[in-house]
Amino acid sequence: MEEHDPGLRELLENTARSLGATQIGVADLQPVRAYILREYGEFFARWPRAVAVALYFPREIAGQLLHGPTLEYNYYYHVLNRQLDAIAVALTNCLAVAGYS
């Protein structure tokens, strides 16, 4: 994604938020490319940017981990992970349609 393409960034943000994301960010990885190459190899170093997405996880549910995972925590964990997967697929499709890989 080019820095001068605010339309694509806005499309990604709107798509993610429409699917329930509470946070979305785009990181420029160029300044740390050498580190990524050294630590993780060429496969990961080939991407100049990364997209991160977050969903709200209720504090009272996360707090249940103090006593080990509960059925309620496991439920939220699986539901939210499926939602993150759906958001990731939608964002991947947006990027592919825009010509990015």
N, C-alpha and C. Protein backbone atom coordinates (compact mmCIF):
# COMPACT_ATOMS: atom_id res chain seq x y z
N MET A 1 0.84 -1.17 0.00
CA MET A 1 0.00 0.00 0.00
C MET A 1 0.89 1.23 0.00
N GLU A 2 0.70 2.06 -0.96
CA GLU A 2 1.50 3.27 -1.05
C GLU A 2 1.05 4.27 0.01
N GLU A 3 2.01 5.03 0.52
CA GLU A 3 1.70 6.03 1.53
C GLU A 3 0.70 7.05 1.01
N HIS A 4 0.70 7.32 -0.29
CA HIS A 4 -0.18 8.33 -0.86
C HIS A 4 -1.55 7.75 -1.25
N ASP A 5 -1.87 6.60 -0.77
CA ASP A 5 -3.15 5.97 -1.12
C ASP A 5 -4.08 5.93 0.10
N PRO A 6 -4.54 7.12 0.55
CA PRO A 6 -5.42 7.14 1.72
C PRO A 6 -6.75 6.45 1.45
N GLY A 7 -7.16 6.36 0.19
CA GLY A 7 -8.41 5.69 -0.13
C GLY A 7 -8.37 4.21 0.22
N LEU A 8 -7.24 3.56 -0.02
CA LEU A 8 -7.12 2.15 0.32
C LEU A 8 -7.10 1.96 1.83
N ARG A 9 -6.36 2.82 2.52
CA ARG A 9 -6.33 2.73 3.99
C ARG A 9 -7.74 2.92 4.56
N GLU A 10 -8.47 3.88 4.01
CA GLU A 10 -9.83 4.12 4.48
C GLU A 10 -10.73 2.93 4.18
N LEU A 11 -10.57 2.31 3.00
CA LEU A 11 -11.34 1.12 2.65
C LEU A 11 -11.06 -0.01 3.63
N LEU A 12 -9.79 -0.22 3.97
CA LEU A 12 -9.44 -1.28 4.92
C LEU A 12 -10.04 -0.99 6.29
N GLU A 13 -9.92 0.24 6.74
CA GLU A 13 -10.48 0.61 8.05
C GLU A 13 -11.99 0.43 8.07
N ASN A 14 -12.67 0.92 7.04
CA ASN A 14 -14.13 0.81 6.99
C ASN A 14 -14.58 -0.65 6.91
N THR A 15 -13.86 -1.45 6.13
CA THR A 15 -14.21 -2.87 6.00
C THR A 15 -14.04 -3.57 7.34
N ALA A 16 -12.91 -3.36 7.99
CA ALA A 16 -12.65 -4.02 9.27
C ALA A 16 -13.67 -3.59 10.32
N ARG A 17 -13.93 -2.30 10.40
CA ARG A 17 -14.88 -1.81 11.41
C ARG A 17 -16.30 -2.30 11.14
N SER A 18 -16.65 -2.42 9.86
CA SER A 18 -18.00 -2.91 9.53
C SER A 18 -18.19 -4.36 9.96
N LEU A 19 -17.08 -5.07 10.12
CA LEU A 19 -17.13 -6.47 10.55
C LEU A 19 -16.86 -6.63 12.04
N GLY A 20 -16.79 -5.50 12.75
CA GLY A 20 -16.68 -5.56 14.20
C GLY A 20 -15.34 -5.23 14.80
N ALA A 21 -14.34 -4.90 13.99
CA ALA A 21 -13.03 -4.56 14.54
C ALA A 21 -13.13 -3.29 15.37
N THR A 22 -12.47 -3.28 16.52
CA THR A 22 -12.45 -2.07 17.34
C THR A 22 -11.19 -1.25 17.09
N GLN A 23 -10.15 -1.89 16.56
CA GLN A 23 -8.91 -1.20 16.21
C GLN A 23 -8.36 -1.79 14.92
N ILE A 24 -7.73 -0.94 14.12
CA ILE A 24 -7.01 -1.41 12.93
C ILE A 24 -5.86 -0.45 12.70
N GLY A 25 -4.73 -1.02 12.33
CA GLY A 25 -3.56 -0.19 12.06
C GLY A 25 -2.74 -0.76 10.93
N VAL A 26 -2.00 0.12 10.27
CA VAL A 26 -1.10 -0.28 9.19
C VAL A 26 0.30 0.16 9.60
N ALA A 27 1.25 -0.78 9.59
CA ALA A 27 2.62 -0.48 9.99
C ALA A 27 3.56 -0.50 8.79
N ASP A 28 4.46 0.46 8.75
CA ASP A 28 5.52 0.50 7.75
C ASP A 28 6.68 -0.35 8.30
N LEU A 29 6.96 -1.46 7.64
CA LEU A 29 8.01 -2.38 8.11
C LEU A 29 9.38 -2.10 7.51
N GLN A 30 9.46 -1.16 6.58
CA GLN A 30 10.75 -0.88 5.92
C GLN A 30 11.87 -0.54 6.91
N PRO A 31 11.60 0.26 7.95
CA PRO A 31 12.69 0.58 8.88
C PRO A 31 13.25 -0.63 9.63
N VAL A 32 12.50 -1.71 9.72
CA VAL A 32 12.95 -2.90 10.45
C VAL A 32 13.14 -4.10 9.53
N ARG A 33 13.24 -3.85 8.23
CA ARG A 33 13.36 -4.94 7.27
C ARG A 33 14.58 -5.81 7.55
N ALA A 34 15.72 -5.21 7.86
CA ALA A 34 16.94 -5.98 8.11
C ALA A 34 16.75 -6.92 9.31
N TYR A 35 16.10 -6.43 10.34
CA TYR A 35 15.83 -7.26 11.52
C TYR A 35 14.90 -8.42 11.16
N ILE A 36 13.82 -8.12 10.43
CA ILE A 36 12.89 -9.16 10.03
C ILE A 36 13.59 -10.21 9.17
N LEU A 37 14.42 -9.75 8.25
CA LEU A 37 15.16 -10.67 7.38
C LEU A 37 16.07 -11.57 8.21
N ARG A 38 16.79 -10.99 9.15
CA ARG A 38 17.72 -11.74 9.98
C ARG A 38 17.00 -12.74 10.90
N GLU A 39 15.91 -12.30 11.50
CA GLU A 39 15.23 -13.13 12.49
C GLU A 39 14.22 -14.12 11.89
N TYR A 40 13.59 -13.73 10.78
CA TYR A 40 12.48 -14.53 10.26
C TYR A 40 12.65 -14.98 8.81
N GLY A 41 13.64 -14.42 8.13
CA GLY A 41 13.93 -14.86 6.77
C GLY A 41 13.21 -14.06 5.70
N GLU A 42 13.54 -14.40 4.46
CA GLU A 42 13.05 -13.68 3.28
C GLU A 42 11.53 -13.76 3.14
N PHE A 43 10.94 -14.88 3.54
CA PHE A 43 9.50 -15.04 3.38
C PHE A 43 8.75 -13.88 4.02
N PHE A 44 9.10 -13.51 5.24
CA PHE A 44 8.41 -12.42 5.93
C PHE A 44 8.98 -11.05 5.56
N ALA A 45 10.24 -10.99 5.20
CA ALA A 45 10.87 -9.70 4.89
C ALA A 45 10.39 -9.12 3.56
N ARG A 46 9.70 -9.91 2.76
CA ARG A 46 9.27 -9.41 1.44
C ARG A 46 8.11 -8.43 1.52
N TRP A 47 7.43 -8.35 2.66
CA TRP A 47 6.29 -7.44 2.78
C TRP A 47 6.72 -6.13 3.42
N PRO A 48 6.45 -5.01 2.76
CA PRO A 48 6.87 -3.72 3.30
C PRO A 48 5.93 -3.16 4.37
N ARG A 49 4.74 -3.73 4.49
CA ARG A 49 3.77 -3.24 5.47
C ARG A 49 3.03 -4.40 6.10
N ALA A 50 2.41 -4.11 7.25
CA ALA A 50 1.60 -5.11 7.94
C ALA A 50 0.30 -4.44 8.40
N VAL A 51 -0.75 -5.22 8.44
CA VAL A 51 -2.05 -4.74 8.92
C VAL A 51 -2.37 -5.50 10.20
N ALA A 52 -2.74 -4.77 11.23
CA ALA A 52 -3.12 -5.38 12.50
C ALA A 52 -4.56 -5.01 12.82
N VAL A 53 -5.29 -5.99 13.36
CA VAL A 53 -6.70 -5.79 13.68
C VAL A 53 -6.94 -6.30 15.10
N ALA A 54 -7.78 -5.59 15.84
CA ALA A 54 -8.11 -6.01 17.21
C ALA A 54 -9.62 -5.98 17.41
N LEU A 55 -10.08 -6.88 18.26
CA LEU A 55 -11.47 -6.92 18.69
C LEU A 55 -11.52 -6.71 20.20
N TYR A 56 -12.59 -6.15 20.66
CA TYR A 56 -12.78 -5.98 22.10
C TYR A 56 -13.00 -7.35 22.74
N PHE A 57 -12.26 -7.61 23.80
CA PHE A 57 -12.42 -8.83 24.59
C PHE A 57 -12.83 -8.39 25.99
N PRO A 58 -14.04 -8.72 26.43
CA PRO A 58 -14.53 -8.21 27.71
C PRO A 58 -13.56 -8.48 28.87
N ARG A 59 -13.27 -7.46 29.62
CA ARG A 59 -12.33 -7.56 30.74
C ARG A 59 -12.73 -8.64 31.73
N GLU A 60 -14.02 -8.71 32.03
CA GLU A 60 -14.45 -9.70 33.02
C GLU A 60 -14.26 -11.14 32.52
N ILE A 61 -14.31 -11.32 31.21
CA ILE A 61 -14.07 -12.65 30.65
C ILE A 61 -12.57 -12.94 30.65
N ALA A 62 -11.76 -11.98 30.23
CA ALA A 62 -10.30 -12.17 30.24
C ALA A 62 -9.80 -12.41 31.67
N GLY A 63 -10.43 -11.76 32.64
CA GLY A 63 -10.05 -11.94 34.04
C GLY A 63 -10.25 -13.35 34.54
N GLN A 64 -11.08 -14.11 33.88
CA GLN A 64 -11.31 -15.49 34.29
C GLN A 64 -10.06 -16.34 34.13
N LEU A 65 -9.11 -15.87 33.34
CA LEU A 65 -7.86 -16.62 33.15
C LEU A 65 -7.03 -16.69 34.42
N LEU A 66 -7.31 -15.82 35.37
CA LEU A 66 -6.59 -15.87 36.65
C LEU A 66 -6.80 -17.21 37.34
N HIS A 67 -7.91 -17.86 37.02
CA HIS A 67 -8.25 -19.14 37.63
C HIS A 67 -8.22 -20.27 36.61
N GLY A 68 -7.59 -20.02 35.49
CA GLY A 68 -7.54 -21.01 34.41
C GLY A 68 -8.66 -20.74 33.44
N PRO A 69 -8.52 -21.20 32.20
CA PRO A 69 -9.57 -20.94 31.21
C PRO A 69 -10.89 -21.59 31.62
N THR A 70 -11.95 -20.81 31.50
CA THR A 70 -13.29 -21.31 31.82
C THR A 70 -14.03 -21.61 30.52
N LEU A 71 -15.17 -22.24 30.63
CA LEU A 71 -15.99 -22.50 29.44
C LEU A 71 -16.40 -21.19 28.77
N GLU A 72 -16.72 -20.20 29.59
CA GLU A 72 -17.13 -18.90 29.04
C GLU A 72 -15.97 -18.23 28.30
N TYR A 73 -14.77 -18.28 28.89
CA TYR A 73 -13.59 -17.73 28.24
C TYR A 73 -13.34 -18.46 26.91
N ASN A 74 -13.38 -19.77 26.92
CA ASN A 74 -13.15 -20.56 25.70
C ASN A 74 -14.16 -20.21 24.61
N TYR A 75 -15.41 -19.99 25.02
CA TYR A 75 -16.44 -19.61 24.06
C TYR A 75 -16.06 -18.29 23.38
N TYR A 76 -15.77 -17.27 24.18
CA TYR A 76 -15.39 -15.97 23.62
C TYR A 76 -14.15 -16.09 22.75
N TYR A 77 -13.18 -16.84 23.20
CA TYR A 77 -11.93 -17.02 22.46
C TYR A 77 -12.21 -17.56 21.07
N HIS A 78 -13.01 -18.60 20.98
CA HIS A 78 -13.29 -19.22 19.67
C HIS A 78 -14.17 -18.32 18.79
N VAL A 79 -15.16 -17.69 19.35
CA VAL A 79 -16.03 -16.80 18.58
C VAL A 79 -15.22 -15.61 18.03
N LEU A 80 -14.41 -15.00 18.87
CA LEU A 80 -13.65 -13.85 18.43
C LEU A 80 -12.56 -14.23 17.43
N ASN A 81 -11.98 -15.41 17.58
CA ASN A 81 -10.99 -15.85 16.59
C ASN A 81 -11.63 -16.10 15.23
N ARG A 82 -12.83 -16.64 15.22
CA ARG A 82 -13.54 -16.80 13.93
C ARG A 82 -13.84 -15.44 13.32
N GLN A 83 -14.20 -14.48 14.15
CA GLN A 83 -14.48 -13.14 13.66
C GLN A 83 -13.20 -12.50 13.10
N LEU A 84 -12.08 -12.67 13.79
CA LEU A 84 -10.80 -12.16 13.27
C LEU A 84 -10.45 -12.81 11.94
N ASP A 85 -10.70 -14.11 11.83
CA ASP A 85 -10.45 -14.80 10.55
C ASP A 85 -11.28 -14.19 9.43
N ALA A 86 -12.55 -13.91 9.72
CA ALA A 86 -13.43 -13.33 8.69
C ALA A 86 -12.95 -11.93 8.29
N ILE A 87 -12.52 -11.15 9.26
CA ILE A 87 -12.00 -9.82 8.96
C ILE A 87 -10.73 -9.92 8.12
N ALA A 88 -9.84 -10.84 8.49
CA ALA A 88 -8.59 -11.01 7.75
C ALA A 88 -8.85 -11.41 6.30
N VAL A 89 -9.82 -12.30 6.08
CA VAL A 89 -10.15 -12.70 4.71
C VAL A 89 -10.71 -11.50 3.93
N ALA A 90 -11.58 -10.73 4.55
CA ALA A 90 -12.15 -9.57 3.87
C ALA A 90 -11.07 -8.54 3.51
N LEU A 91 -10.13 -8.29 4.44
CA LEU A 91 -9.06 -7.34 4.16
C LEU A 91 -8.11 -7.87 3.08
N THR A 92 -7.84 -9.16 3.12
CA THR A 92 -7.01 -9.78 2.09
C THR A 92 -7.66 -9.61 0.72
N ASN A 93 -8.96 -9.79 0.66
CA ASN A 93 -9.69 -9.61 -0.61
C ASN A 93 -9.63 -8.16 -1.07
N CYS A 94 -9.78 -7.21 -0.15
CA CYS A 94 -9.67 -5.79 -0.52
C CYS A 94 -8.31 -5.49 -1.13
N LEU A 95 -7.26 -6.01 -0.50
CA LEU A 95 -5.92 -5.77 -1.00
C LEU A 95 -5.68 -6.44 -2.35
N ALA A 96 -6.20 -7.65 -2.51
CA ALA A 96 -6.04 -8.38 -3.79
C ALA A 96 -6.74 -7.64 -4.91
N VAL A 97 -7.96 -7.18 -4.67
CA VAL A 97 -8.71 -6.44 -5.69
C VAL A 97 -7.97 -5.17 -6.07
N ALA A 98 -7.29 -4.55 -5.09
CA ALA A 98 -6.53 -3.32 -5.36
C ALA A 98 -5.17 -3.61 -6.01
N GLY A 99 -4.85 -4.89 -6.20
CA GLY A 99 -3.62 -5.25 -6.90
C GLY A 99 -2.43 -5.57 -6.02
N TYR A 100 -2.65 -5.74 -4.72
CA TYR A 100 -1.57 -6.06 -3.81
C TYR A 100 -1.57 -7.56 -3.53
N SER A 101 -0.39 -8.08 -3.15
CA SER A 101 -0.30 -9.50 -2.80
C SER A 101 0.21 -9.66 -1.38
